[in-house]
Amino acid sequence: MKVAAVQMNVSILEKQQNLEKVLARIEEAAREGARLVVFPECALTGYCFASREEAWAMSEPVPGPSTERLAAAARRLECTVVVGMLERAGSALYNAAAVVSPEGILGTHRKVHLLCLGVDRFTTLGDRPFPVFAARDVRLGVNICFDCSFPESGRVVKLNGAQVLCIPTNWPAGSDSWQHTPKVRATENHLYVIAADRVGEERGFRFVGHSQIVHFSGDVLGEAGEAEETVLYADIDPAAADRNRVVRIPGQWEFDRIAMRRPDLYGALTR
């Protein structure tokens, strides 16, 4: 199947404008044959909010107006989309990514690891174990930006059956995550990684781009530059990510990073 990572600029406080831009990119990607399209973190809202009240005004429940429009586009274009947004649930405010397929709104991943930066200063810690979404032709998990700094975040979605790890992200200048993290998460978990970063500047922060699509071997199937808005494409075979055993030389050099784990010796991870 063909997949896409959308690298785009986002206008803070301009949710409707951002939504129209997202919908246009879905149309573009679908015309090129993409069946999974991944967008950046907070693609609908922007990231560098000054207060919880300011961020709350840009949030909405799921289902809600924006995700309903995304669902209509996904249904019409027969593709699955992963879009960063701010989700409200009761009085809680989450940095989230909505996963929408031709069958409807599959749900959200709520960012689990929050750092002292941007809207994460005002959002609620994600309250769900990392879900895996069964979309058409692919099983996918989501890590939002700082989530992927924790190896456990990628490993959990792999163990729960994911074939693709989607990373909606806002990597700011000064972060080196784009250089290493997508490749490492792909190889250590034997799954594809689609990292969609944003570009441009927002309230004094510049974002570094370098969106990527990475094979589970660590080979980069596509990488964007630092500044341009673009859509990356790659062809993947999701079922191949289920075949975890790697054979370099039969009988002499074989390994399986999943089957050869030793969980009985990893107790420190959950203390």
C-alpha atoms as a PDB file:
ATOM      1  CA  MET A   1       0.000   0.000   0.000  1.00  0.00           C
ATOM      2  CA  LYS A   2       1.101   3.574  -0.548  1.00  0.00           C
ATOM      3  CA  VAL A   3       1.443   5.787   2.535  1.00  0.00           C
ATOM      4  CA  ALA A   4       2.079   9.509   2.943  1.00  0.00           C
ATOM      5  CA  ALA A   5       3.572  11.892   5.495  1.00  0.00           C
ATOM      6  CA  VAL A   6       2.389  15.496   5.199  1.00  0.00           C
ATOM      7  CA  GLN A   7       4.938  18.127   6.194  1.00  0.00           C
ATOM      8  CA  MET A   8       3.149  21.459   6.574  1.00  0.00           C
ATOM      9  CA  ASN A   9       3.115  24.816   8.281  1.00  0.00           C
ATOM     10  CA  VAL A  10       0.314  25.468  10.774  1.00  0.00           C
ATOM     11  CA  SER A  11      -1.293  28.750  11.843  1.00  0.00           C
ATOM     12  CA  ILE A  12      -1.934  29.003  15.566  1.00  0.00           C
ATOM     13  CA  LEU A  13      -5.511  29.953  16.526  1.00  0.00           C
ATOM     14  CA  GLU A  14      -6.682  29.380  12.933  1.00  0.00           C
ATOM     15  CA  LYS A  15      -8.343  25.983  13.282  1.00  0.00           C
ATOM     16  CA  GLN A  16     -10.696  26.370  10.330  1.00  0.00           C
ATOM     17  CA  GLN A  17      -7.886  27.475   8.035  1.00  0.00           C
ATOM     18  CA  ASN A  18      -5.721  24.560   9.190  1.00  0.00           C
ATOM     19  CA  LEU A  19      -8.579  22.104   8.712  1.00  0.00           C
ATOM     20  CA  GLU A  20      -9.126  23.248   5.127  1.00  0.00           C
ATOM     21  CA  LYS A  21      -5.420  22.806   4.473  1.00  0.00           C
ATOM     22  CA  VAL A  22      -5.471  19.305   5.957  1.00  0.00           C
ATOM     23  CA  LEU A  23      -8.479  18.355   3.838  1.00  0.00           C
ATOM     24  CA  ALA A  24      -6.726  19.636   0.712  1.00  0.00           C
ATOM     25  CA  ARG A  25      -3.629  17.552   1.494  1.00  0.00           C
ATOM     26  CA  ILE A  26      -5.775  14.462   2.018  1.00  0.00           C
ATOM     27  CA  GLU A  27      -7.268  15.034  -1.421  1.00  0.00           C
ATOM     28  CA  GLU A  28      -3.795  15.450  -2.918  1.00  0.00           C
ATOM     29  CA  ALA A  29      -2.419  12.332  -1.242  1.00  0.00           C
ATOM     30  CA  ALA A  30      -5.444  10.244  -2.189  1.00  0.00           C
ATOM     31  CA  ARG A  31      -5.063  11.295  -5.848  1.00  0.00           C
ATOM     32  CA  GLU A  32      -1.531   9.903  -5.679  1.00  0.00           C
ATOM     33  CA  GLY A  33      -2.883   6.605  -4.351  1.00  0.00           C
ATOM     34  CA  ALA A  34      -2.049   6.972  -0.651  1.00  0.00           C
ATOM     35  CA  ARG A  35      -4.216   4.870   1.661  1.00  0.00           C
ATOM     36  CA  LEU A  36      -2.684   6.092   4.940  1.00  0.00           C
ATOM     37  CA  VAL A  37      -1.911   9.796   5.424  1.00  0.00           C
ATOM     38  CA  VAL A  38      -0.189  11.128   8.565  1.00  0.00           C
ATOM     39  CA  PHE A  39      -0.160  14.787   9.651  1.00  0.00           C
ATOM     40  CA  PRO A  40       1.904  16.668  12.284  1.00  0.00           C
ATOM     41  CA  GLU A  41       1.171  17.104  15.969  1.00  0.00           C
ATOM     42  CA  CYS A  42      -1.468  19.788  16.624  1.00  0.00           C
ATOM     43  CA  ALA A  43      -1.960  20.170  12.863  1.00  0.00           C
ATOM     44  CA  LEU A  44      -5.433  21.620  13.419  1.00  0.00           C
ATOM     45  CA  THR A  45      -4.545  24.134  16.124  1.00  0.00           C
ATOM     46  CA  GLY A  46      -0.907  25.089  16.414  1.00  0.00           C
ATOM     47  CA  TYR A  47       1.267  24.256  19.417  1.00  0.00           C
ATOM     48  CA  CYS A  48       2.773  27.304  21.155  1.00  0.00           C
ATOM     49  CA  PHE A  49      -0.139  28.380  23.324  1.00  0.00           C
ATOM     50  CA  ALA A  50       0.334  30.929  26.097  1.00  0.00           C
ATOM     51  CA  SER A  51      -2.374  29.632  28.437  1.00  0.00           C
ATOM     52  CA  ARG A  52      -4.769  26.759  29.003  1.00  0.00           C
ATOM     53  CA  GLU A  53      -7.689  29.058  28.239  1.00  0.00           C
ATOM     54  CA  GLU A  54      -6.258  29.947  24.846  1.00  0.00           C
ATOM     55  CA  ALA A  55      -5.702  26.277  24.014  1.00  0.00           C
ATOM     56  CA  TRP A  56      -9.123  25.228  25.333  1.00  0.00           C
ATOM     57  CA  ALA A  57     -10.816  27.559  22.860  1.00  0.00           C
ATOM     58  CA  MET A  58      -9.197  25.604  19.992  1.00  0.00           C
ATOM     59  CA  SER A  59     -10.092  22.164  21.367  1.00  0.00           C
ATOM     60  CA  GLU A  60     -13.130  20.027  20.618  1.00  0.00           C
ATOM     61  CA  PRO A  61     -14.554  16.644  21.563  1.00  0.00           C
ATOM     62  CA  VAL A  62     -14.159  13.541  19.437  1.00  0.00           C
ATOM     63  CA  PRO A  63     -16.423  12.984  17.598  1.00  0.00           C
ATOM     64  CA  GLY A  64     -16.718  16.685  16.875  1.00  0.00           C
ATOM     65  CA  PRO A  65     -16.970  19.121  13.973  1.00  0.00           C
ATOM     66  CA  SER A  66     -13.423  18.649  12.669  1.00  0.00           C
ATOM     67  CA  THR A  67     -13.278  14.880  12.981  1.00  0.00           C
ATOM     68  CA  GLU A  68     -16.686  14.559  11.320  1.00  0.00           C
ATOM     69  CA  ARG A  69     -15.346  16.422   8.293  1.00  0.00           C
ATOM     70  CA  LEU A  70     -12.217  14.283   8.313  1.00  0.00           C
ATOM     71  CA  ALA A  71     -14.395  11.171   8.459  1.00  0.00           C
ATOM     72  CA  ALA A  72     -16.409  12.333   5.450  1.00  0.00           C
ATOM     73  CA  ALA A  73     -13.197  12.887   3.481  1.00  0.00           C
ATOM     74  CA  ALA A  74     -11.740   9.538   4.538  1.00  0.00           C
ATOM     75  CA  ARG A  75     -14.921   7.756   3.521  1.00  0.00           C
ATOM     76  CA  ARG A  76     -15.143   9.485   0.147  1.00  0.00           C
ATOM     77  CA  LEU A  77     -11.447   9.080  -0.669  1.00  0.00           C
ATOM     78  CA  GLU A  78     -11.077   5.604   0.867  1.00  0.00           C
ATOM     79  CA  CYS A  79      -8.032   6.405   2.975  1.00  0.00           C
ATOM     80  CA  THR A  80      -7.105   6.467   6.653  1.00  0.00           C
ATOM     81  CA  VAL A  81      -5.778   9.679   8.208  1.00  0.00           C
ATOM     82  CA  VAL A  82      -3.940  10.481  11.446  1.00  0.00           C
ATOM     83  CA  VAL A  83      -4.258  14.148  12.433  1.00  0.00           C
ATOM     84  CA  GLY A  84      -2.885  15.984  15.473  1.00  0.00           C
ATOM     85  CA  MET A  85      -5.397  18.090  17.408  1.00  0.00           C
ATOM     86  CA  LEU A  86      -6.462  19.254  20.859  1.00  0.00           C
ATOM     87  CA  GLU A  87      -9.165  17.020  22.302  1.00  0.00           C
ATOM     88  CA  ARG A  88     -11.461  17.976  25.175  1.00  0.00           C
ATOM     89  CA  ALA A  89     -13.200  15.343  27.280  1.00  0.00           C
ATOM     90  CA  GLY A  90     -15.176  16.707  30.225  1.00  0.00           C
ATOM     91  CA  SER A  91     -12.828  19.196  31.865  1.00  0.00           C
ATOM     92  CA  ALA A  92      -9.674  17.486  30.537  1.00  0.00           C
ATOM     93  CA  LEU A  93      -7.615  18.868  27.655  1.00  0.00           C
ATOM     94  CA  TYR A  94      -5.456  16.421  25.687  1.00  0.00           C
ATOM     95  CA  ASN A  95      -2.757  16.755  23.061  1.00  0.00           C
ATOM     96  CA  ALA A  96      -4.197  14.051  20.812  1.00  0.00           C
ATOM     97  CA  ALA A  97      -4.117  12.474  17.383  1.00  0.00           C
ATOM     98  CA  ALA A  98      -7.381  11.432  15.773  1.00  0.00           C
ATOM     99  CA  VAL A  99      -7.380   8.263  13.669  1.00  0.00           C
ATOM    100  CA  VAL A 100     -10.082   8.274  11.019  1.00  0.00           C
ATOM    101  CA  SER A 101     -10.709   5.554   8.426  1.00  0.00           C
ATOM    102  CA  PRO A 102     -13.223   5.001   5.618  1.00  0.00           C
ATOM    103  CA  GLU A 103     -15.290   3.176   8.250  1.00  0.00           C
ATOM    104  CA  GLY A 104     -15.424   6.208  10.521  1.00  0.00           C
ATOM    105  CA  ILE A 105     -13.626   7.687  13.544  1.00  0.00           C
ATOM    106  CA  LEU A 106     -11.554   4.891  15.086  1.00  0.00           C
ATOM    107  CA  GLY A 107     -10.541   6.933  18.134  1.00  0.00           C
ATOM    108  CA  THR A 108      -7.667   9.032  19.441  1.00  0.00           C
ATOM    109  CA  HIS A 109      -4.276   8.541  20.977  1.00  0.00           C
ATOM    110  CA  ARG A 110      -3.703  11.003  23.816  1.00  0.00           C
ATOM    111  CA  LYS A 111      -0.093  12.050  24.329  1.00  0.00           C
ATOM    112  CA  VAL A 112       1.289  10.068  27.251  1.00  0.00           C
ATOM    113  CA  HIS A 113       4.542  11.924  27.921  1.00  0.00           C
ATOM    114  CA  LEU A 114       4.324  15.688  28.394  1.00  0.00           C
ATOM    115  CA  LEU A 115       7.282  18.033  28.639  1.00  0.00           C
ATOM    116  CA  CYS A 116       7.523  21.683  29.643  1.00  0.00           C
ATOM    117  CA  LEU A 117       7.005  23.156  26.191  1.00  0.00           C
ATOM    118  CA  GLY A 118       4.159  24.757  24.277  1.00  0.00           C
ATOM    119  CA  VAL A 119       0.663  23.435  24.831  1.00  0.00           C
ATOM    120  CA  ASP A 120       2.013  20.448  26.774  1.00  0.00           C
ATOM    121  CA  ARG A 121       2.385  22.780  29.755  1.00  0.00           C
ATOM    122  CA  PHE A 122      -1.411  22.970  29.951  1.00  0.00           C
ATOM    123  CA  THR A 123      -2.677  19.582  28.783  1.00  0.00           C
ATOM    124  CA  THR A 124      -3.624  16.473  30.738  1.00  0.00           C
ATOM    125  CA  LEU A 125      -1.481  13.343  30.757  1.00  0.00           C
ATOM    126  CA  GLY A 126      -2.813  10.740  28.339  1.00  0.00           C
ATOM    127  CA  ASP A 127      -4.995   8.308  30.261  1.00  0.00           C
ATOM    128  CA  ARG A 128      -5.087   5.317  27.883  1.00  0.00           C
ATOM    129  CA  PRO A 129      -2.548   2.574  27.212  1.00  0.00           C
ATOM    130  CA  PHE A 130      -1.160   2.945  23.695  1.00  0.00           C
ATOM    131  CA  PRO A 131      -3.975   1.767  21.413  1.00  0.00           C
ATOM    132  CA  VAL A 132      -3.565  -0.063  18.124  1.00  0.00           C
ATOM    133  CA  PHE A 133      -6.090   0.872  15.463  1.00  0.00           C
ATOM    134  CA  ALA A 134      -7.263  -1.677  12.915  1.00  0.00           C
ATOM    135  CA  ALA A 135      -7.634   0.470   9.829  1.00  0.00           C
ATOM    136  CA  ARG A 136      -8.277  -0.788   6.332  1.00  0.00           C
ATOM    137  CA  ASP A 137      -5.327  -2.996   5.247  1.00  0.00           C
ATOM    138  CA  VAL A 138      -3.085  -1.964   8.157  1.00  0.00           C
ATOM    139  CA  ARG A 139      -2.770  -1.983  11.955  1.00  0.00           C
ATOM    140  CA  LEU A 140      -1.241   1.191  13.301  1.00  0.00           C
ATOM    141  CA  GLY A 141      -0.124   2.691  16.571  1.00  0.00           C
ATOM    142  CA  VAL A 142       0.628   6.318  17.401  1.00  0.00           C
ATOM    143  CA  ASN A 143       3.347   8.078  19.382  1.00  0.00           C
ATOM    144  CA  ILE A 144       3.010  11.865  19.555  1.00  0.00           C
ATOM    145  CA  CYS A 145       6.355  13.698  19.449  1.00  0.00           C
ATOM    146  CA  PHE A 146       7.943  13.302  22.931  1.00  0.00           C
ATOM    147  CA  ASP A 147       6.251   9.899  23.315  1.00  0.00           C
ATOM    148  CA  CYS A 148       8.782   8.466  20.890  1.00  0.00           C
ATOM    149  CA  SER A 149      11.664   9.524  23.162  1.00  0.00           C
ATOM    150  CA  PHE A 150      10.662   6.549  25.325  1.00  0.00           C
ATOM    151  CA  PRO A 151      11.497   3.178  23.733  1.00  0.00           C
ATOM    152  CA  GLU A 152       8.656   1.534  25.636  1.00  0.00           C
ATOM    153  CA  SER A 153       6.128   3.609  23.684  1.00  0.00           C
ATOM    154  CA  GLY A 154       7.062   2.017  20.381  1.00  0.00           C
ATOM    155  CA  ARG A 155       7.552  -1.441  21.831  1.00  0.00           C
ATOM    156  CA  VAL A 156       4.076  -1.504  23.382  1.00  0.00           C
ATOM    157  CA  VAL A 157       2.329  -0.753  20.088  1.00  0.00           C
ATOM    158  CA  LYS A 158       4.414  -3.437  18.373  1.00  0.00           C
ATOM    159  CA  LEU A 159       3.534  -6.025  21.010  1.00  0.00           C
ATOM    160  CA  ASN A 160      -0.125  -5.068  20.607  1.00  0.00           C
ATOM    161  CA  GLY A 161       0.063  -5.907  16.916  1.00  0.00           C
ATOM    162  CA  ALA A 162       0.952  -2.679  15.127  1.00  0.00           C
ATOM    163  CA  GLN A 163       2.594  -2.905  11.725  1.00  0.00           C
ATOM    164  CA  VAL A 164       3.110   0.850  11.390  1.00  0.00           C
ATOM    165  CA  LEU A 165       4.073   3.434  14.017  1.00  0.00           C
ATOM    166  CA  CYS A 166       2.745   6.899  13.161  1.00  0.00           C
ATOM    167  CA  ILE A 167       4.577   9.814  14.768  1.00  0.00           C
ATOM    168  CA  PRO A 168       2.761  13.160  14.471  1.00  0.00           C
ATOM    169  CA  THR A 169       5.398  15.555  15.770  1.00  0.00           C
ATOM    170  CA  ASN A 170       6.518  19.162  16.212  1.00  0.00           C
ATOM    171  CA  TRP A 171      10.302  18.887  16.420  1.00  0.00           C
ATOM    172  CA  PRO A 172      11.651  22.348  17.308  1.00  0.00           C
ATOM    173  CA  ALA A 173      15.038  23.675  16.294  1.00  0.00           C
ATOM    174  CA  GLY A 174      17.570  22.294  18.743  1.00  0.00           C
ATOM    175  CA  SER A 175      16.033  18.828  18.792  1.00  0.00           C
ATOM    176  CA  ASP A 176      18.060  16.017  17.258  1.00  0.00           C
ATOM    177  CA  SER A 177      15.215  13.479  17.423  1.00  0.00           C
ATOM    178  CA  TRP A 178      14.677  13.529  13.654  1.00  0.00           C
ATOM    179  CA  GLN A 179      18.228  12.299  13.078  1.00  0.00           C
ATOM    180  CA  HIS A 180      17.916   9.085  15.061  1.00  0.00           C
ATOM    181  CA  THR A 181      14.545   8.270  16.556  1.00  0.00           C
ATOM    182  CA  PRO A 182      12.490   7.193  13.506  1.00  0.00           C
ATOM    183  CA  LYS A 183      15.208   4.801  12.326  1.00  0.00           C
ATOM    184  CA  VAL A 184      15.813   3.318  15.773  1.00  0.00           C
ATOM    185  CA  ARG A 185      12.120   2.823  16.554  1.00  0.00           C
ATOM    186  CA  ALA A 186      11.662   1.115  13.182  1.00  0.00           C
ATOM    187  CA  THR A 187      14.539  -1.336  13.539  1.00  0.00           C
ATOM    188  CA  GLU A 188      14.180  -2.188  17.220  1.00  0.00           C
ATOM    189  CA  ASN A 189      10.474  -2.983  16.773  1.00  0.00           C
ATOM    190  CA  HIS A 190      10.478  -4.360  13.226  1.00  0.00           C
ATOM    191  CA  LEU A 191       7.733  -2.030  12.010  1.00  0.00           C
ATOM    192  CA  TYR A 192       7.375   0.849   9.590  1.00  0.00           C
ATOM    193  CA  VAL A 193       7.601   4.391  10.950  1.00  0.00           C
ATOM    194  CA  ILE A 194       5.849   7.402   9.432  1.00  0.00           C
ATOM    195  CA  ALA A 195       6.995  10.623  11.123  1.00  0.00           C
ATOM    196  CA  ALA A 196       5.145  13.776  10.032  1.00  0.00           C
ATOM    197  CA  ASP A 197       6.752  16.987  11.288  1.00  0.00           C
ATOM    198  CA  ARG A 198       5.782  20.598  10.732  1.00  0.00           C
ATOM    199  CA  VAL A 199       7.775  23.501   9.347  1.00  0.00           C
ATOM    200  CA  GLY A 200       7.744  27.254   9.809  1.00  0.00           C
ATOM    201  CA  GLU A 201       7.866  29.446  12.890  1.00  0.00           C
ATOM    202  CA  GLU A 202       5.384  30.038  15.680  1.00  0.00           C
ATOM    203  CA  ARG A 203       5.780  32.524  18.525  1.00  0.00           C
ATOM    204  CA  GLY A 204       9.555  32.375  18.512  1.00  0.00           C
ATOM    205  CA  PHE A 205       9.907  28.645  17.844  1.00  0.00           C
ATOM    206  CA  ARG A 206      11.157  27.278  14.529  1.00  0.00           C
ATOM    207  CA  PHE A 207      10.324  23.724  13.491  1.00  0.00           C
ATOM    208  CA  VAL A 208      12.863  21.572  11.686  1.00  0.00           C
ATOM    209  CA  GLY A 209      10.893  19.437   9.240  1.00  0.00           C
ATOM    210  CA  HIS A 210      12.728  16.274   8.143  1.00  0.00           C
ATOM    211  CA  SER A 211       9.544  14.197   8.044  1.00  0.00           C
ATOM    212  CA  GLN A 212      10.392  10.583   7.232  1.00  0.00           C
ATOM    213  CA  ILE A 213       9.024   7.236   6.168  1.00  0.00           C
ATOM    214  CA  VAL A 214      11.279   4.428   7.400  1.00  0.00           C
ATOM    215  CA  HIS A 215      11.351   0.715   6.583  1.00  0.00           C
ATOM    216  CA  PHE A 216      11.678  -1.764   9.452  1.00  0.00           C
ATOM    217  CA  SER A 217      15.231  -2.432   8.270  1.00  0.00           C
ATOM    218  CA  GLY A 218      16.076   1.176   9.110  1.00  0.00           C
ATOM    219  CA  ASP A 219      16.280   2.200   5.458  1.00  0.00           C
ATOM    220  CA  VAL A 220      14.769   5.634   4.861  1.00  0.00           C
ATOM    221  CA  LEU A 221      12.141   5.348   2.137  1.00  0.00           C
ATOM    222  CA  GLY A 222      11.591   9.103   2.017  1.00  0.00           C
ATOM    223  CA  GLU A 223      12.762  12.203   3.902  1.00  0.00           C
ATOM    224  CA  ALA A 224      11.780  15.841   3.529  1.00  0.00           C
ATOM    225  CA  GLY A 225      13.998  18.857   3.946  1.00  0.00           C
ATOM    226  CA  GLU A 226      14.032  21.429   6.726  1.00  0.00           C
ATOM    227  CA  ALA A 227      11.745  24.151   5.437  1.00  0.00           C
ATOM    228  CA  GLU A 228       9.450  23.121   2.607  1.00  0.00           C
ATOM    229  CA  GLU A 229       5.845  22.071   2.814  1.00  0.00           C
ATOM    230  CA  THR A 230       5.586  18.753   1.007  1.00  0.00           C
ATOM    231  CA  VAL A 231       3.990  15.331   0.954  1.00  0.00           C
ATOM    232  CA  LEU A 232       6.250  12.288   1.183  1.00  0.00           C
ATOM    233  CA  TYR A 233       5.175   8.977  -0.331  1.00  0.00           C
ATOM    234  CA  ALA A 234       6.370   5.411  -0.022  1.00  0.00           C
ATOM    235  CA  ASP A 235       5.101   1.932  -0.796  1.00  0.00           C
ATOM    236  CA  ILE A 236       5.027  -0.463   2.140  1.00  0.00           C
ATOM    237  CA  ASP A 237       3.976  -4.063   2.787  1.00  0.00           C
ATOM    238  CA  PRO A 238       2.296  -4.031   6.231  1.00  0.00           C
ATOM    239  CA  ALA A 239       2.173  -7.837   6.486  1.00  0.00           C
ATOM    240  CA  ALA A 240       5.965  -7.971   6.178  1.00  0.00           C
ATOM    241  CA  ALA A 241       6.226  -6.197   9.532  1.00  0.00           C
ATOM    242  CA  ASP A 242       4.584  -9.250  11.124  1.00  0.00           C
ATOM    243  CA  ARG A 243       7.432 -11.498   9.991  1.00  0.00           C
ATOM    244  CA  ASN A 244       9.840 -10.605  12.769  1.00  0.00           C
ATOM    245  CA  ARG A 245      12.613 -13.106  12.130  1.00  0.00           C
ATOM    246  CA  VAL A 246      15.503 -11.612  10.169  1.00  0.00           C
ATOM    247  CA  VAL A 247      17.695 -14.061   8.244  1.00  0.00           C
ATOM    248  CA  ARG A 248      20.974 -12.610   7.022  1.00  0.00           C
ATOM    249  CA  ILE A 249      22.784 -15.930   6.527  1.00  0.00           C
ATOM    250  CA  PRO A 250      20.575 -19.033   6.992  1.00  0.00           C
ATOM    251  CA  GLY A 251      21.707 -21.074   9.982  1.00  0.00           C
ATOM    252  CA  GLN A 252      24.525 -18.646  10.749  1.00  0.00           C
ATOM    253  CA  TRP A 253      23.051 -15.193  11.224  1.00  0.00           C
ATOM    254  CA  GLU A 254      19.387 -15.052  12.228  1.00  0.00           C
ATOM    255  CA  PHE A 255      17.562 -13.084  14.891  1.00  0.00           C
ATOM    256  CA  ASP A 256      14.112 -12.017  16.082  1.00  0.00           C
ATOM    257  CA  ARG A 257      13.971  -8.889  18.223  1.00  0.00           C
ATOM    258  CA  ILE A 258      10.499  -9.786  19.445  1.00  0.00           C
ATOM    259  CA  ALA A 259      10.725 -13.517  20.155  1.00  0.00           C
ATOM    260  CA  MET A 260      14.166 -13.197  21.749  1.00  0.00           C
ATOM    261  CA  ARG A 261      13.077 -10.695  24.393  1.00  0.00           C
ATOM    262  CA  ARG A 262      13.634 -11.609  28.085  1.00  0.00           C
ATOM    263  CA  PRO A 263      10.758  -9.850  29.911  1.00  0.00           C
ATOM    264  CA  ASP A 264      11.486 -11.719  33.135  1.00  0.00           C
ATOM    265  CA  LEU A 265      14.691  -9.683  33.406  1.00  0.00           C
ATOM    266  CA  TYR A 266      13.128  -6.283  32.665  1.00  0.00           C
ATOM    267  CA  GLY A 267      11.387  -5.657  35.978  1.00  0.00           C
ATOM    268  CA  ALA A 268      13.125  -2.321  36.475  1.00  0.00           C
ATOM    269  CA  LEU A 269      11.109  -0.934  33.555  1.00  0.00           C
ATOM    270  CA  THR A 270       7.870  -0.980  35.535  1.00  0.00           C
ATOM    271  CA  ARG A 271       9.147  -0.115  39.029  1.00  0.00           C
END
